[in-house]
Protein backbone atom coordinates (compact mmCIF):
# COMPACT_ATOMS: atom_id res chain seq x y z
CA MET A 1 112.41 125.94 85.25
CA LYS A 2 110.19 123.52 87.15
CA LEU A 3 108.22 121.10 85.00
CA SER A 4 105.03 119.27 85.85
CA MET A 5 102.62 117.05 83.95
CA PRO A 6 99.69 119.11 82.61
CA ARG A 7 96.08 117.89 82.75
CA PHE A 8 96.06 116.81 79.12
CA ASP A 9 92.67 115.12 79.55
CA GLN A 10 91.14 118.59 79.83
CA ALA A 11 92.88 120.01 76.74
CA PRO A 12 90.95 119.37 73.48
CA VAL A 13 93.00 120.26 70.38
CA LEU A 14 91.95 120.46 66.72
CA VAL A 15 94.52 119.70 64.02
CA VAL A 16 94.04 120.80 60.39
CA GLY A 17 96.50 119.97 57.65
CA ASP A 18 98.12 117.56 55.24
CA VAL A 19 97.29 113.99 56.09
CA MET A 20 99.47 111.15 54.85
CA LEU A 21 100.18 107.50 55.48
CA ASP A 22 103.68 106.36 56.44
CA ARG A 23 104.04 102.76 55.27
CA TYR A 24 106.99 100.56 56.21
CA TRP A 25 108.08 97.32 54.51
CA HIS A 26 110.40 95.42 56.88
CA GLY A 27 112.55 92.48 55.90
CA GLY A 28 115.94 90.88 55.87
CA THR A 29 118.51 91.19 53.12
CA SER A 30 121.33 88.77 52.45
CA ARG A 31 122.15 89.11 48.77
CA ILE A 32 122.54 91.54 45.89
CA SER A 33 120.11 91.46 42.98
CA PRO A 34 121.49 89.85 39.81
CA GLU A 35 119.56 92.45 37.84
CA ALA A 36 121.21 95.54 39.35
CA PRO A 37 123.70 96.36 42.15
CA VAL A 38 120.98 96.71 44.79
CA PRO A 39 120.10 94.60 47.86
CA VAL A 40 117.16 92.19 47.68
CA VAL A 41 114.79 92.62 50.62
CA LYS A 42 112.52 89.73 51.55
CA VAL A 43 109.51 91.62 52.93
CA GLU A 44 108.26 89.96 56.10
CA GLN A 45 106.20 92.72 57.72
CA ILE A 46 104.11 95.64 56.48
CA GLU A 47 103.40 98.44 58.98
CA ASP A 48 101.19 101.51 58.53
CA ARG A 49 101.45 104.63 60.67
CA PRO A 50 99.54 107.92 60.41
CA GLY A 51 101.86 110.66 59.12
CA GLY A 52 101.88 114.41 58.64
CA ALA A 53 98.93 116.12 60.31
CA ALA A 54 97.61 112.68 61.27
CA ASN A 55 100.79 112.05 63.26
CA VAL A 56 100.34 115.39 65.05
CA ALA A 57 96.79 114.37 66.06
CA LEU A 58 98.04 110.93 67.10
CA ASN A 59 100.75 112.51 69.30
CA ILE A 60 98.15 114.70 70.98
CA ALA A 61 95.92 111.70 71.67
CA ALA A 62 98.91 109.70 72.98
CA LEU A 63 99.41 112.39 75.63
CA GLY A 64 95.84 111.84 76.77
CA ALA A 65 94.34 115.00 75.23
CA PRO A 66 91.11 114.86 73.18
CA ALA A 67 92.17 115.23 69.54
CA ALA A 68 90.22 115.98 66.37
CA LEU A 69 91.63 116.08 62.83
CA VAL A 70 90.49 117.71 59.59
CA GLY A 71 92.31 116.79 56.38
CA VAL A 72 92.07 115.67 52.78
CA THR A 73 92.50 112.14 51.44
CA GLY A 74 91.61 110.00 48.49
CA GLU A 75 88.88 107.36 48.51
CA ASP A 76 91.14 104.35 48.76
CA GLU A 77 92.72 101.64 50.89
CA ALA A 78 95.31 104.04 52.37
CA CYS A 79 92.54 106.31 53.61
CA GLN A 80 90.84 103.35 55.26
CA SER A 81 94.09 102.38 56.99
CA LEU A 82 94.43 105.94 58.32
CA THR A 83 90.82 106.01 59.47
CA ASP A 84 91.14 102.71 61.35
CA SER A 85 94.44 103.67 63.06
CA LEU A 86 93.18 107.07 64.15
CA ALA A 87 89.86 105.68 65.42
CA ALA A 88 91.74 103.07 67.47
CA ALA A 89 93.74 105.89 69.09
CA GLY A 90 90.63 107.92 69.87
CA VAL A 91 91.20 110.65 67.26
CA GLN A 92 88.06 112.09 65.67
CA ALA A 93 88.95 112.19 61.96
CA HIS A 94 86.99 114.34 59.51
CA PHE A 95 88.33 113.74 56.01
CA GLN A 96 87.41 115.49 52.79
CA ARG A 97 87.67 112.51 50.47
CA ILE A 98 88.43 113.24 46.82
CA GLU A 99 87.76 110.54 44.27
CA HIS A 100 90.33 109.75 41.59
CA GLN A 101 93.17 111.18 43.74
CA PRO A 102 95.37 108.99 45.90
CA THR A 103 95.85 109.45 49.60
CA ILE A 104 99.46 110.56 50.11
CA VAL A 105 101.60 107.54 50.97
CA LYS A 106 105.30 107.55 51.86
CA LEU A 107 106.66 104.02 51.55
CA ARG A 108 109.92 103.14 53.25
CA VAL A 109 111.78 99.86 52.71
CA MET A 110 113.58 98.89 55.92
CA SER A 111 116.14 96.22 56.71
CA ARG A 112 117.85 95.74 60.07
CA HIS A 113 116.52 99.11 61.25
CA GLN A 114 118.06 100.87 58.26
CA GLN A 115 116.08 102.67 55.57
CA LEU A 116 117.12 101.43 52.13
CA LEU A 117 114.58 103.22 49.96
CA ARG A 118 111.71 105.69 50.18
CA MET A 119 108.98 106.04 47.57
CA ASP A 120 106.36 108.83 47.66
CA PHE A 121 102.92 108.43 46.12
CA GLU A 122 101.28 111.83 46.02
CA GLU A 123 99.52 114.46 43.97
CA ALA A 124 98.60 118.00 45.06
CA PHE A 125 94.98 117.89 46.22
CA GLU A 126 92.27 120.03 44.71
CA THR A 127 90.91 120.89 48.13
CA ASP A 128 87.49 122.51 48.55
CA ALA A 129 88.74 125.31 50.79
CA GLN A 130 85.29 126.56 51.77
CA ALA A 131 84.07 123.09 52.70
CA LEU A 132 87.19 122.55 54.80
CA LEU A 133 86.68 125.89 56.58
CA LYS A 134 83.08 124.96 57.28
CA ASP A 135 84.21 121.65 58.82
CA VAL A 136 86.73 123.45 61.01
CA GLU A 137 84.24 126.08 62.19
CA SER A 138 81.79 123.34 63.17
CA LEU A 139 84.45 121.77 65.42
CA LEU A 140 85.91 124.86 67.12
CA ALA A 141 83.40 125.00 69.95
CA GLY A 142 85.14 123.78 73.11
CA VAL A 143 88.53 123.50 71.42
CA LYS A 144 91.42 125.08 73.39
CA ALA A 145 94.07 125.11 70.63
CA LEU A 146 94.17 124.90 66.83
CA VAL A 147 97.18 123.41 65.02
CA LEU A 148 97.87 124.05 61.34
CA SER A 149 100.11 121.16 60.24
CA ASP A 150 101.29 122.39 56.85
CA TYR A 151 103.36 120.11 54.63
CA GLY A 152 102.59 122.05 51.45
CA LYS A 153 100.55 119.19 49.94
CA GLY A 154 97.45 121.23 49.17
CA ALA A 155 95.10 120.57 52.08
CA LEU A 156 95.62 124.08 53.47
CA LYS A 157 94.61 126.72 50.95
CA ASN A 158 92.95 129.30 53.20
CA HIS A 159 95.32 129.77 56.15
CA GLN A 160 94.07 133.25 56.97
CA ALA A 161 90.42 132.23 57.13
CA LEU A 162 91.31 129.39 59.51
CA ILE A 163 93.50 131.60 61.71
CA GLN A 164 90.88 134.32 61.95
CA ALA A 165 88.08 131.84 62.65
CA ALA A 166 90.00 130.56 65.68
CA ARG A 167 91.28 133.92 66.93
CA ARG A 168 87.76 135.39 66.87
CA ARG A 169 86.85 132.69 69.39
CA GLY A 170 89.92 133.36 71.54
CA ILE A 171 91.56 130.07 70.49
CA PRO A 172 95.37 130.11 70.09
CA VAL A 173 96.66 129.02 66.68
CA LEU A 174 99.97 127.16 66.29
CA ALA A 175 101.39 126.60 62.82
CA ASP A 176 104.19 124.33 61.62
CA PRO A 177 105.10 126.33 58.49
CA LYS A 178 106.37 125.24 55.09
CA GLY A 179 107.53 127.05 51.95
CA LYS A 180 108.96 130.52 51.47
CA ASP A 181 105.81 132.56 52.06
CA PHE A 182 105.22 133.00 55.78
CA GLU A 183 102.74 135.82 55.10
CA ILE A 184 100.00 133.17 55.03
CA TYR A 185 100.58 132.62 58.79
CA ARG A 186 100.03 136.27 59.71
CA GLY A 187 98.25 136.65 63.04
CA ALA A 188 99.03 133.16 64.33
CA SER A 189 99.79 132.79 68.02
CA LEU A 190 102.99 130.83 67.37
CA ILE A 191 104.86 129.33 64.44
CA THR A 192 107.52 126.63 64.77
CA PRO A 193 109.92 126.66 61.79
CA ASN A 194 113.13 124.70 61.91
CA LEU A 195 116.34 126.65 61.39
CA GLY A 196 116.48 125.91 57.67
CA GLU A 197 112.90 127.08 57.14
CA PHE A 198 113.54 130.16 59.26
CA GLU A 199 116.70 131.14 57.39
CA ALA A 200 114.98 130.59 54.04
CA ILE A 201 112.71 133.49 55.01
CA VAL A 202 115.04 135.87 56.91
CA GLY A 203 118.45 134.93 55.51
CA HIS A 204 121.48 133.30 57.12
CA CYS A 205 122.03 134.01 60.81
CA ALA A 206 125.72 134.18 61.69
CA ASP A 207 125.18 134.04 65.44
CA GLU A 208 122.59 134.01 68.23
CA ALA A 209 122.21 137.79 68.26
CA GLU A 210 121.38 137.89 64.56
CA LEU A 211 118.88 135.05 64.94
CA VAL A 212 117.12 136.89 67.76
CA ALA A 213 117.08 140.19 65.87
CA LYS A 214 115.73 138.68 62.67
CA GLY A 215 113.21 136.66 64.63
CA ALA A 216 111.95 139.79 66.37
CA GLU A 217 111.51 141.52 63.02
CA LEU A 218 109.64 138.50 61.61
CA MET A 219 107.27 138.48 64.60
CA ARG A 220 106.61 142.20 64.18
CA SER A 221 105.94 141.98 60.45
CA LEU A 222 103.64 138.95 60.75
CA GLU A 223 101.93 140.09 64.00
CA LEU A 224 102.88 136.88 65.80
CA ASP A 225 102.60 136.38 69.56
CA ALA A 226 105.67 134.13 69.60
CA LEU A 227 108.17 132.30 67.42
CA LEU A 228 109.87 128.99 68.20
CA VAL A 229 112.89 128.08 66.06
CA THR A 230 113.88 124.41 66.36
CA ARG A 231 117.61 123.99 65.78
CA GLY A 232 118.41 120.27 65.83
CA GLU A 233 121.47 119.50 67.92
CA HIS A 234 121.48 123.14 69.11
CA GLY A 235 118.10 122.80 70.80
CA MET A 236 115.41 125.42 70.27
CA THR A 237 114.95 129.13 70.75
CA LEU A 238 111.72 130.78 71.89
CA LEU A 239 111.22 134.43 70.96
CA ARG A 240 108.47 136.72 72.27
CA PRO A 241 108.01 140.45 71.69
CA ASP A 242 109.74 142.60 74.31
CA GLN A 243 111.05 139.59 76.26
CA ALA A 244 114.46 137.98 76.47
CA ALA A 245 115.06 135.01 74.20
CA LEU A 246 114.74 131.59 75.82
CA HIS A 247 117.35 129.10 74.59
CA LEU A 248 116.77 125.44 75.45
CA PRO A 249 119.63 123.02 74.75
CA ALA A 250 119.06 119.73 72.98
CA ARG A 251 118.87 116.77 75.32
CA ALA A 252 122.06 114.72 75.44
CA ARG A 253 120.98 111.36 74.05
CA GLU A 254 121.58 109.23 71.00
CA VAL A 255 119.56 110.34 67.98
CA PHE A 256 118.17 107.33 66.15
CA ASP A 257 115.64 108.90 63.76
CA VAL A 258 114.42 112.51 63.49
CA THR A 259 111.34 111.54 61.47
CA GLY A 260 108.30 113.21 63.00
CA ALA A 261 110.24 115.17 65.64
CA GLY A 262 108.65 118.42 64.47
CA ASP A 263 105.21 116.83 64.80
CA THR A 264 106.01 115.87 68.38
CA VAL A 265 107.16 119.40 69.20
CA ILE A 266 104.05 121.16 67.96
CA SER A 267 101.66 118.53 69.34
CA THR A 268 103.17 118.69 72.82
CA LEU A 269 103.22 122.49 72.68
CA ALA A 270 99.57 122.67 71.64
CA ALA A 271 98.37 120.14 74.21
CA ALA A 272 100.33 121.81 77.04
CA LEU A 273 99.05 125.29 76.16
CA ALA A 274 95.51 123.95 75.87
CA ALA A 275 95.93 122.44 79.34
CA GLY A 276 96.85 125.87 80.74
CA ALA A 277 100.65 125.70 80.85
CA GLU A 278 102.63 128.88 80.41
CA LEU A 279 104.48 129.15 77.10
CA PRO A 280 108.04 128.64 78.50
CA GLN A 281 106.93 125.51 80.37
CA ALA A 282 105.09 124.24 77.26
CA VAL A 283 108.24 124.73 75.17
CA ALA A 284 110.36 122.93 77.75
CA LEU A 285 107.93 119.99 77.70
CA ALA A 286 108.05 119.94 73.88
CA ASN A 287 111.85 119.90 74.00
CA LEU A 288 111.73 116.97 76.44
CA ALA A 289 109.22 115.10 74.25
CA ALA A 290 111.37 115.61 71.16
CA SER A 291 114.33 114.03 72.95
CA ILE A 292 112.23 110.91 73.50
CA VAL A 293 110.87 110.56 69.97
CA VAL A 294 114.22 110.92 68.17
CA ALA A 295 115.37 107.72 69.90
CA LYS A 296 112.59 105.78 68.17
CA LEU A 297 112.50 104.36 64.65
CA GLY A 298 110.31 106.09 62.07
CA THR A 299 107.16 108.10 62.65
CA ALA A 300 106.44 107.66 66.36
CA CYS A 301 104.56 109.15 69.31
CA VAL A 302 105.45 110.07 72.86
CA SER A 303 103.00 108.63 75.38
CA ALA A 304 101.90 110.29 78.59
CA PRO A 305 103.75 107.74 80.79
CA GLU A 306 106.96 108.30 78.79
CA LEU A 307 106.71 112.07 79.20
CA ARG A 308 105.83 111.73 82.88
CA ARG A 309 108.91 109.57 83.52
CA ALA A 310 111.09 112.10 81.69
CA ILE A 311 109.67 114.89 83.85
CA GLN A 312 110.35 112.83 86.95
CA ARG A 313 113.96 112.32 85.91
CA GLU A 314 114.24 116.02 85.17
CA GLU A 315 112.84 117.03 88.54
CA GLY A 316 114.66 114.30 90.43
CA SER A 317 111.46 112.63 91.59
CA GLY A 318 111.98 109.23 90.00
CA ARG A 319 112.83 107.89 93.48
CA GLY A 320 113.00 109.28 97.00
CA THR A 321 110.77 111.39 99.21
CA MET A 322 107.61 112.86 97.75
CA THR A 323 104.18 114.23 98.49
CA VAL A 324 101.06 112.06 98.28
CA GLU A 325 100.16 113.72 94.98
CA GLN A 326 103.58 112.97 93.53
CA LEU A 327 103.39 109.41 94.84
CA LEU A 328 100.03 108.75 93.17
CA THR A 329 101.46 109.98 89.87
CA VAL A 330 104.53 107.70 89.94
CA VAL A 331 102.44 104.73 91.11
CA GLU A 332 100.07 105.20 88.17
CA ASP A 333 103.03 105.33 85.82
CA ALA A 334 104.57 102.18 87.37
CA ARG A 335 101.30 100.33 86.93
CA THR A 336 101.20 101.16 83.22
CA GLN A 337 104.54 99.34 83.03
CA GLY A 338 103.08 96.27 84.73
CA GLU A 339 105.05 96.75 87.95
CA LYS A 340 103.88 95.29 91.28
CA ILE A 341 103.55 97.88 94.07
CA VAL A 342 104.58 96.91 97.64
CA PHE A 343 103.60 99.05 100.64
CA THR A 344 104.86 99.10 104.20
CA ASN A 345 104.68 101.64 107.00
CA GLY A 346 106.15 102.52 110.36
CA CYS A 347 107.86 105.14 112.54
CA PHE A 348 111.47 104.22 111.58
CA ASP A 349 112.74 106.55 114.31
CA ILE A 350 116.30 105.24 114.58
CA LEU A 351 117.15 103.15 111.54
CA HIS A 352 119.01 99.93 112.41
CA ALA A 353 120.07 96.64 110.85
CA GLY A 354 116.68 95.09 111.50
CA HIS A 355 114.98 97.80 109.47
CA VAL A 356 117.42 97.41 106.59
CA THR A 357 116.94 93.63 106.39
CA TYR A 358 113.16 93.97 106.69
CA LEU A 359 112.96 96.57 103.91
CA GLU A 360 115.13 94.45 101.61
CA GLN A 361 112.77 91.52 102.20
CA ALA A 362 109.76 93.77 101.58
CA ARG A 363 111.22 95.03 98.29
CA ALA A 364 111.64 91.45 97.14
CA GLN A 365 107.86 91.01 97.26
CA GLY A 366 107.38 93.13 94.13
CA ASP A 367 108.88 95.68 91.77
CA ARG A 368 108.46 98.93 93.72
CA LEU A 369 108.53 99.59 97.47
CA ILE A 370 106.64 102.46 99.14
CA VAL A 371 107.57 103.26 102.74
CA ALA A 372 104.93 105.35 104.52
CA VAL A 373 106.27 107.13 107.62
CA ASN A 374 104.31 108.43 110.60
CA ASP A 375 104.73 112.19 111.12
CA ASP A 376 106.14 113.51 114.41
CA ALA A 377 102.78 114.08 116.11
CA SER A 378 101.51 110.58 115.38
CA VAL A 379 104.79 109.03 116.58
CA SER A 380 104.38 110.91 119.90
CA ARG A 381 100.85 109.60 120.24
CA LEU A 382 101.96 106.03 119.52
CA LYS A 383 105.30 105.93 121.33
CA GLY A 384 104.86 108.46 124.10
CA PRO A 385 106.68 111.65 125.21
CA GLY A 386 110.26 112.05 124.00
CA ARG A 387 109.60 110.34 120.67
CA PRO A 388 110.48 110.63 117.92
CA ILE A 389 114.20 111.04 118.39
CA ASN A 390 114.56 112.15 114.76
CA THR A 391 112.18 114.50 112.98
CA VAL A 392 110.12 113.15 110.09
CA ASP A 393 112.15 114.90 107.38
CA ARG A 394 115.35 113.28 108.70
CA ARG A 395 113.72 109.85 109.01
CA MET A 396 112.42 110.10 105.43
CA ALA A 397 115.79 111.23 104.10
CA VAL A 398 117.60 108.23 105.62
CA LEU A 399 114.99 105.79 104.30
CA ALA A 400 115.17 107.32 100.82
CA GLY A 401 118.91 106.59 100.78
CA LEU A 402 118.38 102.84 101.02
CA GLU A 403 118.73 100.89 97.80
CA ALA A 404 115.65 98.78 98.57
CA VAL A 405 113.33 101.79 98.93
CA ASP A 406 111.77 103.47 95.90
CA TRP A 407 109.42 106.05 97.41
CA VAL A 408 109.00 107.52 100.89
CA VAL A 409 105.87 109.41 101.90
CA CYS A 410 104.56 110.86 105.18
CA PHE A 411 101.12 110.43 106.76
CA ALA A 412 99.62 112.23 109.76
CA GLU A 413 97.02 109.74 111.02
CA ASP A 414 97.80 106.96 113.52
CA THR A 415 97.23 104.36 110.80
CA PRO A 416 97.94 104.46 107.05
CA GLU A 417 94.44 103.33 106.03
CA ASN A 418 93.54 106.56 104.15
CA LEU A 419 96.82 106.39 102.26
CA LEU A 420 96.28 102.71 101.44
CA VAL A 421 92.90 103.53 99.91
CA GLN A 422 94.51 106.12 97.64
CA VAL A 423 97.53 104.03 96.60
CA ARG A 424 95.80 100.60 96.43
CA PRO A 425 99.07 98.59 96.61
CA ASP A 426 99.34 95.09 95.25
CA VAL A 427 101.12 93.87 98.39
CA LEU A 428 100.90 95.17 101.98
CA VAL A 429 103.88 94.08 104.09
CA LYS A 430 104.36 94.29 107.84
CA GLY A 431 107.06 92.95 110.14
CA GLY A 432 106.19 91.21 113.40
CA ASP A 433 105.01 88.04 115.08
CA TYR A 434 101.26 88.51 114.63
CA GLY A 435 98.81 87.08 112.08
CA VAL A 436 97.91 88.56 108.71
CA ASP A 437 94.40 89.50 109.90
CA GLN A 438 95.95 91.63 112.66
CA VAL A 439 97.76 93.90 110.17
CA VAL A 440 96.16 97.35 109.96
CA GLY A 441 94.61 97.78 106.53
CA ALA A 442 94.69 94.05 105.71
CA GLU A 443 90.97 93.81 104.96
CA LEU A 444 91.12 96.88 102.71
CA VAL A 445 93.97 95.48 100.62
CA LYS A 446 92.41 92.02 100.32
CA ALA A 447 89.12 93.65 99.26
CA TRP A 448 90.65 94.92 96.00
CA GLY A 449 92.53 91.68 95.34
CA GLY A 450 95.83 92.59 96.97
CA GLU A 451 98.01 90.41 99.17
CA VAL A 452 99.04 90.87 102.81
CA ARG A 453 102.31 89.37 104.03
CA VAL A 454 103.97 89.35 107.47
CA LEU A 455 107.76 89.18 107.54
CA GLY A 456 109.89 88.17 110.48
CA LEU A 457 112.07 90.67 112.34
CA VAL A 458 115.81 90.46 112.99
CA GLU A 459 116.49 89.30 116.53
CA ASN A 460 117.82 91.82 119.09
CA SER A 461 117.18 94.81 116.80
CA SER A 462 114.69 97.45 117.89
CA THR A 463 114.58 101.21 118.14
CA THR A 464 113.15 101.01 121.69
CA ALA A 465 116.08 98.84 122.83
CA ILE A 466 118.56 101.26 121.29
CA VAL A 467 116.90 104.23 123.02
CA GLU A 468 116.93 102.45 126.39
CA LYS A 469 120.58 101.49 126.00
CA ILE A 470 121.52 105.11 125.29
CA ARG A 471 119.51 106.32 128.29
CA LYS A 472 121.15 103.85 130.62
CA ALA A 473 124.56 104.77 129.36
């Protein structure tokens, strides 16, 4: 299955559900309390992170999708912390604030990346269901997916009204279910129970066949469009009526903390579907995102650059030959990591020692090296009949095999100026014995603050000399 990065910026998603604050107290511990056999933690850092439905909305925003959130909180300091964090991330938060009830807070005491204690501060909310429905209906215009993030804390009391409000508008509804009554999710587009939640409803599944059969029956009885069962180290299984089950294995990587992994799955799913991805591709992206988040400590998000890099590794496009569109994507990602982009160009018809030395020197000018290669027609125009000796695909393949080269791309014009304008490298490098101002594209690069450098060439190494020697022989 081929994966690509969806246009998340065109995928507004609305999240409705149980909002909570995940609070972390970090500190060192070096002694046992004299009062009881417990470690003493000297708290040195307090960290607040949006949790529950707020974490789902935060994950959606981290992918670059417009995110809105409807939930219930108290009128307290924890609510203010949530509001500030979500606003900073670009999430539009619409809270029903209930006086004399606390915002749900889950406090974790951490030492040396280990959780020593968790304390929950919560009461079931007396939610005004009609007011919450009214808030949701006022926000549905323009939304491309609705997520019900249900933690069973009382924010969601009218699941059916919310589902029907969205479905009447043609908006898909994704629900992360809780409890033993899945009837409340009837008519949803997709629900995403974990294996324990699924088996609590349908009974134990002895094997894959039984899981698929019971899942099909659950979809039929609840009139679901699809069912995604997340299965921990066994990956996830997507079921759709009258279609073969899709099993996706868990990614082979160290699991550090599974907190919030379910939030990452449903947020990535919703954002991908809202961006127009097909369901199997959206599930594969969610599986990939989950593999990233479980390697992080505590409630965490997967950013768009992180997901893009994972897709590139998956598709084998982290390095090597690529289209201009692929190149622009990886360059953007590299820039978010603070990497300096170096650009050089040429025909590279017969690769020789001079080329290798030159490209190693070029790579040393920054963090990433792009080699732009003239296509066959432009080489013939520049070098004359009989050139190139090697076709452009072969020239690019050889260049991509060099350790110094990150990305190889082809251009059809006689000069790379159009490509330079699109890439906007930090450094333009050329080999030769002429001045900087004689380098094609130098003025363009200097105009946006880039550098132009001319590197020397290795003596007695040239493609033309090699061709002439072969001809004479």
